[in-house]
């Protein structure tokens, strides 16, 4: 993997996380994603329609970015369970990502995860003398 690639990976089992959302029964759905690279960062945009920010978990462990989310569908059943849909997507990020410059925002069903690049990895113009 080059320094400017983000690769989608498959994660079979959830990793333990402090604020992980409750996982419903059944397979995880894979949200659609776009990855955009600029000089200063990578932006990972995931489609999570109907999901609330409180029900999203974003986790970066070394070079592994994992996003998990739950969308609750309707009201609780007689047994107290709420129908839901679970989303999960994992990515391998390049070494050029600065782990201290990662943020996430959810707006209108689109989760944007911004992964800042390390200063030494950013593109720059070189003056010729």
N, C-alpha and C. Protein backbone atom coordinates (compact mmCIF):
# COMPACT_ATOMS: atom_id res chain seq x y z
N UNK A 1 0.85 -1.18 0.00
CA UNK A 1 0.00 0.00 0.00
C UNK A 1 0.89 1.23 0.00
N UNK A 2 0.60 2.15 -0.90
CA UNK A 2 1.38 3.38 -0.95
C UNK A 2 0.95 4.32 0.17
N UNK A 3 1.67 5.40 0.32
CA UNK A 3 1.39 6.35 1.40
C UNK A 3 0.10 7.12 1.19
N UNK A 4 -0.51 7.01 0.01
CA UNK A 4 -1.72 7.79 -0.25
C UNK A 4 -2.94 6.93 -0.52
N UNK A 5 -2.94 5.69 -0.10
CA UNK A 5 -4.09 4.82 -0.32
C UNK A 5 -4.78 4.48 0.98
N UNK A 6 -6.09 4.40 0.92
CA UNK A 6 -6.88 3.85 2.02
C UNK A 6 -7.56 2.62 1.45
N UNK A 7 -7.37 1.48 2.08
CA UNK A 7 -7.92 0.24 1.59
C UNK A 7 -9.07 -0.22 2.47
N UNK A 8 -10.12 -0.72 1.83
CA UNK A 8 -11.24 -1.30 2.56
C UNK A 8 -10.84 -2.71 2.97
N UNK A 9 -11.09 -3.05 4.22
CA UNK A 9 -10.80 -4.39 4.71
C UNK A 9 -12.06 -4.99 5.29
N UNK A 10 -12.06 -6.29 5.47
CA UNK A 10 -13.21 -6.97 6.06
C UNK A 10 -12.87 -7.34 7.49
N UNK A 11 -13.75 -6.99 8.41
CA UNK A 11 -13.57 -7.34 9.82
C UNK A 11 -14.72 -8.26 10.19
N UNK A 12 -14.41 -9.49 10.56
CA UNK A 12 -15.44 -10.48 10.83
C UNK A 12 -16.09 -10.30 12.19
N UNK A 13 -15.31 -9.90 13.19
CA UNK A 13 -15.87 -9.78 14.54
C UNK A 13 -15.66 -8.37 15.06
N UNK A 14 -16.62 -7.84 15.80
CA UNK A 14 -16.47 -6.50 16.35
C UNK A 14 -15.33 -6.43 17.35
N UNK A 15 -14.61 -5.29 17.34
CA UNK A 15 -13.58 -5.07 18.33
C UNK A 15 -14.21 -4.39 19.53
N UNK A 16 -13.75 -4.70 20.75
CA UNK A 16 -14.33 -4.04 21.92
C UNK A 16 -14.03 -2.55 21.88
N UNK A 17 -15.05 -1.74 22.19
CA UNK A 17 -14.90 -0.30 22.19
C UNK A 17 -15.68 0.27 23.35
N UNK A 18 -15.20 1.36 23.89
CA UNK A 18 -15.85 1.95 25.06
C UNK A 18 -17.27 2.40 24.77
N UNK A 19 -17.49 3.02 23.62
CA UNK A 19 -18.81 3.56 23.33
C UNK A 19 -19.46 2.83 22.16
N UNK A 20 -19.23 1.55 22.05
CA UNK A 20 -19.78 0.80 20.93
C UNK A 20 -21.30 0.72 21.04
N UNK A 21 -21.96 0.84 19.89
CA UNK A 21 -23.41 0.77 19.87
C UNK A 21 -23.85 -0.67 20.06
N UNK A 22 -25.08 -0.85 20.54
CA UNK A 22 -25.62 -2.19 20.72
C UNK A 22 -25.76 -2.85 19.36
N UNK A 23 -25.32 -4.08 19.24
CA UNK A 23 -25.35 -4.76 17.96
C UNK A 23 -26.58 -5.64 17.86
N UNK A 24 -27.40 -5.42 16.85
CA UNK A 24 -28.56 -6.27 16.66
C UNK A 24 -28.15 -7.62 16.09
N UNK A 25 -29.08 -8.55 16.13
CA UNK A 25 -28.82 -9.86 15.54
C UNK A 25 -28.83 -9.72 14.02
N UNK A 26 -28.10 -10.62 13.37
CA UNK A 26 -28.07 -10.61 11.91
C UNK A 26 -26.79 -10.01 11.38
N UNK A 27 -26.61 -10.11 10.07
CA UNK A 27 -25.36 -9.62 9.46
C UNK A 27 -25.29 -8.10 9.45
N UNK A 28 -24.07 -7.60 9.40
CA UNK A 28 -23.86 -6.16 9.30
C UNK A 28 -24.05 -5.73 7.86
N UNK A 29 -24.63 -4.57 7.68
CA UNK A 29 -24.77 -3.98 6.35
C UNK A 29 -23.52 -3.15 6.08
N UNK A 30 -23.10 -3.10 4.84
CA UNK A 30 -21.91 -2.35 4.46
C UNK A 30 -22.34 -1.01 3.86
N UNK A 31 -22.06 0.09 4.56
CA UNK A 31 -22.46 1.39 4.01
C UNK A 31 -21.62 1.76 2.79
N UNK A 32 -22.23 2.51 1.88
CA UNK A 32 -21.49 3.01 0.72
C UNK A 32 -20.51 4.07 1.20
N UNK A 33 -19.38 4.16 0.51
CA UNK A 33 -18.31 5.04 0.97
C UNK A 33 -17.63 5.74 -0.20
N UNK A 34 -17.16 6.95 0.05
CA UNK A 34 -16.28 7.68 -0.85
C UNK A 34 -15.07 8.10 -0.03
N UNK A 35 -13.89 8.07 -0.66
CA UNK A 35 -12.67 8.53 -0.01
C UNK A 35 -12.09 9.65 -0.87
N UNK A 36 -11.83 10.79 -0.23
CA UNK A 36 -11.29 11.95 -0.92
C UNK A 36 -9.97 12.31 -0.25
N UNK A 37 -8.93 12.54 -1.07
CA UNK A 37 -7.64 12.95 -0.53
C UNK A 37 -7.34 14.38 -0.95
N UNK A 38 -6.90 15.19 0.01
CA UNK A 38 -6.42 16.54 -0.27
C UNK A 38 -4.95 16.60 0.14
N UNK A 39 -4.34 17.77 0.00
CA UNK A 39 -2.94 17.91 0.41
C UNK A 39 -2.76 17.65 1.90
N UNK A 40 -3.76 18.03 2.72
CA UNK A 40 -3.60 17.96 4.16
C UNK A 40 -4.30 16.81 4.86
N UNK A 41 -5.23 16.12 4.17
CA UNK A 41 -5.96 15.06 4.87
C UNK A 41 -6.65 14.09 3.91
N UNK A 42 -7.20 13.05 4.51
CA UNK A 42 -8.11 12.13 3.83
C UNK A 42 -9.48 12.37 4.43
N UNK A 43 -10.52 12.30 3.60
CA UNK A 43 -11.89 12.36 4.10
C UNK A 43 -12.58 11.08 3.66
N UNK A 44 -13.14 10.35 4.64
CA UNK A 44 -13.89 9.14 4.37
C UNK A 44 -15.36 9.49 4.62
N UNK A 45 -16.19 9.39 3.59
CA UNK A 45 -17.61 9.73 3.69
C UNK A 45 -18.43 8.46 3.57
N UNK A 46 -19.23 8.17 4.60
CA UNK A 46 -20.04 6.96 4.63
C UNK A 46 -21.52 7.32 4.68
N UNK A 47 -22.34 6.59 3.92
CA UNK A 47 -23.78 6.80 3.94
C UNK A 47 -24.39 6.02 5.10
N UNK A 48 -24.97 6.74 6.06
CA UNK A 48 -25.62 6.13 7.22
C UNK A 48 -27.00 6.77 7.41
N UNK A 49 -27.93 6.51 6.49
CA UNK A 49 -29.24 7.17 6.56
C UNK A 49 -30.01 6.78 7.82
N UNK A 50 -30.58 7.79 8.47
CA UNK A 50 -31.42 7.55 9.64
C UNK A 50 -30.67 7.25 10.92
N UNK A 51 -29.35 7.30 10.91
CA UNK A 51 -28.54 7.00 12.09
C UNK A 51 -28.30 8.29 12.88
N UNK A 52 -28.38 8.21 14.20
CA UNK A 52 -28.08 9.34 15.07
C UNK A 52 -26.61 9.29 15.47
N UNK A 53 -26.01 10.45 15.73
CA UNK A 53 -24.58 10.48 16.09
C UNK A 53 -24.29 9.68 17.35
N UNK A 54 -25.24 9.60 18.27
CA UNK A 54 -25.04 8.82 19.50
C UNK A 54 -24.95 7.32 19.23
N UNK A 55 -25.38 6.90 18.05
CA UNK A 55 -25.38 5.48 17.70
C UNK A 55 -24.27 5.11 16.73
N UNK A 56 -23.23 5.96 16.64
CA UNK A 56 -22.09 5.73 15.75
C UNK A 56 -20.84 5.56 16.58
N UNK A 57 -20.01 4.61 16.19
CA UNK A 57 -18.71 4.39 16.83
C UNK A 57 -17.63 4.46 15.76
N UNK A 58 -16.62 5.30 15.98
CA UNK A 58 -15.47 5.41 15.08
C UNK A 58 -14.25 5.07 15.91
N UNK A 59 -13.46 4.11 15.43
CA UNK A 59 -12.32 3.62 16.21
C UNK A 59 -11.09 3.53 15.30
N UNK A 60 -9.97 4.12 15.73
CA UNK A 60 -8.71 4.03 15.00
C UNK A 60 -7.71 3.31 15.88
N UNK A 61 -7.23 2.16 15.43
CA UNK A 61 -6.24 1.37 16.15
C UNK A 61 -5.08 1.12 15.20
N UNK A 62 -3.99 1.81 15.44
CA UNK A 62 -2.83 1.80 14.55
C UNK A 62 -3.28 2.19 13.14
N UNK A 63 -3.23 1.29 12.19
CA UNK A 63 -3.61 1.61 10.81
C UNK A 63 -4.99 1.08 10.45
N UNK A 64 -5.80 0.73 11.44
CA UNK A 64 -7.13 0.16 11.19
C UNK A 64 -8.21 1.14 11.66
N UNK A 65 -8.98 1.67 10.72
CA UNK A 65 -10.12 2.53 11.02
C UNK A 65 -11.38 1.68 10.91
N UNK A 66 -12.19 1.65 11.97
CA UNK A 66 -13.43 0.88 11.97
C UNK A 66 -14.59 1.81 12.32
N UNK A 67 -15.64 1.73 11.51
CA UNK A 67 -16.86 2.50 11.75
C UNK A 67 -18.00 1.51 11.95
N UNK A 68 -18.75 1.69 13.03
CA UNK A 68 -19.92 0.85 13.31
C UNK A 68 -21.07 1.78 13.69
N UNK A 69 -22.28 1.42 13.28
CA UNK A 69 -23.44 2.25 13.59
C UNK A 69 -24.69 1.39 13.64
N UNK A 70 -25.66 1.85 14.40
CA UNK A 70 -26.95 1.16 14.49
C UNK A 70 -28.05 2.16 14.16
N UNK A 71 -28.95 1.74 13.29
CA UNK A 71 -30.15 2.53 12.98
C UNK A 71 -31.34 1.80 13.56
N UNK A 72 -32.05 2.47 14.45
CA UNK A 72 -33.22 1.86 15.06
C UNK A 72 -34.43 2.15 14.19
N UNK A 73 -35.21 1.10 13.91
CA UNK A 73 -36.35 1.19 12.98
C UNK A 73 -37.65 1.04 13.75
N UNK A 74 -38.35 2.12 13.98
CA UNK A 74 -39.65 2.03 14.62
C UNK A 74 -39.57 1.90 16.13
N UNK A 75 -40.70 1.47 16.70
CA UNK A 75 -40.81 1.38 18.16
C UNK A 75 -40.55 -0.04 18.65
N UNK A 76 -40.43 -0.17 19.95
CA UNK A 76 -40.11 -1.45 20.58
C UNK A 76 -41.25 -2.46 20.39
N UNK A 77 -40.86 -3.72 20.31
CA UNK A 77 -41.84 -4.80 20.23
C UNK A 77 -42.37 -5.10 21.62
N UNK A 78 -43.29 -6.04 21.71
CA UNK A 78 -43.87 -6.42 23.01
C UNK A 78 -42.80 -6.95 23.95
N UNK A 79 -41.73 -7.53 23.40
CA UNK A 79 -40.64 -8.05 24.22
C UNK A 79 -39.65 -6.96 24.62
N UNK A 80 -39.88 -5.74 24.16
CA UNK A 80 -39.00 -4.63 24.52
C UNK A 80 -37.84 -4.43 23.55
N UNK A 81 -37.75 -5.23 22.50
CA UNK A 81 -36.68 -5.07 21.53
C UNK A 81 -37.12 -4.12 20.43
N UNK A 82 -36.16 -3.33 19.95
CA UNK A 82 -36.44 -2.43 18.84
C UNK A 82 -35.80 -2.99 17.58
N UNK A 83 -36.55 -3.08 16.49
CA UNK A 83 -35.92 -3.52 15.25
C UNK A 83 -34.83 -2.53 14.86
N UNK A 84 -33.74 -3.05 14.31
CA UNK A 84 -32.62 -2.17 13.99
C UNK A 84 -31.81 -2.74 12.83
N UNK A 85 -30.95 -1.89 12.30
CA UNK A 85 -30.03 -2.27 11.23
C UNK A 85 -28.63 -1.88 11.69
N UNK A 86 -27.68 -2.82 11.56
CA UNK A 86 -26.31 -2.60 11.99
C UNK A 86 -25.43 -2.38 10.77
N UNK A 87 -24.61 -1.32 10.81
CA UNK A 87 -23.66 -1.01 9.74
C UNK A 87 -22.25 -1.19 10.27
N UNK A 88 -21.35 -1.66 9.39
CA UNK A 88 -19.96 -1.82 9.78
C UNK A 88 -19.08 -1.71 8.54
N UNK A 89 -17.98 -0.97 8.68
CA UNK A 89 -17.01 -0.85 7.59
C UNK A 89 -15.65 -0.63 8.20
N UNK A 90 -14.63 -1.27 7.62
CA UNK A 90 -13.27 -1.14 8.14
C UNK A 90 -12.33 -0.76 7.00
N UNK A 91 -11.29 -0.01 7.35
CA UNK A 91 -10.33 0.48 6.38
C UNK A 91 -8.92 0.36 6.94
N UNK A 92 -7.98 0.07 6.07
CA UNK A 92 -6.57 0.16 6.43
C UNK A 92 -6.09 1.51 5.93
N UNK A 93 -5.57 2.33 6.83
CA UNK A 93 -5.13 3.68 6.47
C UNK A 93 -3.61 3.71 6.38
N UNK A 94 -3.06 4.62 5.57
CA UNK A 94 -1.61 4.68 5.40
C UNK A 94 -0.90 5.22 6.64
N UNK A 95 0.40 4.98 6.70
CA UNK A 95 1.22 5.47 7.82
C UNK A 95 1.28 6.99 7.87
N UNK A 96 0.93 7.66 6.78
CA UNK A 96 0.98 9.12 6.75
C UNK A 96 -0.13 9.78 7.56
N UNK A 97 -1.10 8.99 8.07
CA UNK A 97 -2.19 9.55 8.88
C UNK A 97 -1.69 9.90 10.27
N UNK A 98 -2.04 11.10 10.73
CA UNK A 98 -1.70 11.56 12.07
C UNK A 98 -2.84 11.14 13.00
N UNK A 99 -2.60 10.17 13.87
CA UNK A 99 -3.65 9.64 14.75
C UNK A 99 -4.22 10.70 15.69
N UNK A 100 -3.49 11.78 15.92
CA UNK A 100 -3.97 12.86 16.80
C UNK A 100 -4.78 13.91 16.04
N UNK A 101 -4.96 13.72 14.74
CA UNK A 101 -5.69 14.69 13.93
C UNK A 101 -6.84 14.00 13.19
N UNK A 102 -7.65 13.27 13.96
CA UNK A 102 -8.79 12.55 13.39
C UNK A 102 -10.07 13.11 14.01
N UNK A 103 -11.06 13.37 13.18
CA UNK A 103 -12.35 13.86 13.67
C UNK A 103 -13.47 13.22 12.86
N UNK A 104 -14.68 13.27 13.41
CA UNK A 104 -15.84 12.70 12.71
C UNK A 104 -17.05 13.59 12.95
N UNK A 105 -17.88 13.72 11.92
CA UNK A 105 -19.11 14.51 12.02
C UNK A 105 -20.19 13.83 11.19
N UNK A 106 -21.41 13.81 11.73
CA UNK A 106 -22.55 13.22 11.04
C UNK A 106 -23.52 14.34 10.67
N UNK A 107 -23.84 14.44 9.37
CA UNK A 107 -24.75 15.48 8.91
C UNK A 107 -25.61 14.92 7.78
N UNK A 108 -26.93 14.96 7.97
CA UNK A 108 -27.89 14.52 6.95
C UNK A 108 -27.61 13.10 6.45
N UNK A 109 -27.25 12.21 7.36
CA UNK A 109 -27.04 10.82 6.99
C UNK A 109 -25.68 10.50 6.39
N UNK A 110 -24.79 11.49 6.34
CA UNK A 110 -23.44 11.27 5.82
C UNK A 110 -22.45 11.47 6.97
N UNK A 111 -21.71 10.41 7.28
CA UNK A 111 -20.64 10.49 8.29
C UNK A 111 -19.36 10.85 7.57
N UNK A 112 -18.72 11.95 7.99
CA UNK A 112 -17.44 12.35 7.42
C UNK A 112 -16.37 12.15 8.48
N UNK A 113 -15.43 11.25 8.19
CA UNK A 113 -14.29 11.03 9.07
C UNK A 113 -13.09 11.70 8.39
N UNK A 114 -12.50 12.66 9.08
CA UNK A 114 -11.35 13.39 8.54
C UNK A 114 -10.09 12.88 9.22
N UNK A 115 -9.15 12.42 8.41
CA UNK A 115 -7.89 11.87 8.90
C UNK A 115 -6.77 12.79 8.43
N UNK A 116 -6.24 13.60 9.35
CA UNK A 116 -5.17 14.52 9.00
C UNK A 116 -3.89 13.77 8.68
N UNK A 117 -3.11 14.36 7.77
CA UNK A 117 -1.81 13.77 7.42
C UNK A 117 -0.73 14.36 8.31
N UNK A 118 0.31 13.60 8.51
CA UNK A 118 1.48 14.12 9.22
C UNK A 118 2.13 15.20 8.37
N UNK A 119 2.72 16.18 9.01
CA UNK A 119 3.30 17.32 8.29
C UNK A 119 4.32 16.87 7.25
N UNK A 120 5.13 15.89 7.58
CA UNK A 120 6.16 15.45 6.64
C UNK A 120 5.58 14.70 5.45
N UNK A 121 4.30 14.31 5.51
CA UNK A 121 3.65 13.58 4.42
C UNK A 121 2.89 14.49 3.46
N UNK A 122 2.71 15.74 3.82
CA UNK A 122 1.91 16.65 3.01
C UNK A 122 2.67 17.08 1.76
N UNK A 123 1.93 17.24 0.69
CA UNK A 123 2.52 17.73 -0.55
C UNK A 123 2.93 19.18 -0.38
N UNK A 124 4.02 19.55 -1.02
CA UNK A 124 4.46 20.94 -0.95
C UNK A 124 5.23 21.27 -2.22
N UNK A 125 5.28 22.54 -2.54
CA UNK A 125 6.04 23.00 -3.70
C UNK A 125 7.48 23.21 -3.29
N UNK A 126 8.38 22.84 -4.17
CA UNK A 126 9.81 23.01 -3.92
C UNK A 126 10.32 24.09 -4.87
N UNK A 127 10.90 25.12 -4.29
CA UNK A 127 11.42 26.21 -5.10
C UNK A 127 12.72 25.77 -5.77
N UNK A 128 12.84 26.11 -7.04
CA UNK A 128 14.05 25.78 -7.80
C UNK A 128 14.92 27.02 -7.87
N UNK A 129 16.20 26.90 -7.49
CA UNK A 129 17.13 28.04 -7.49
C UNK A 129 18.04 27.98 -8.68
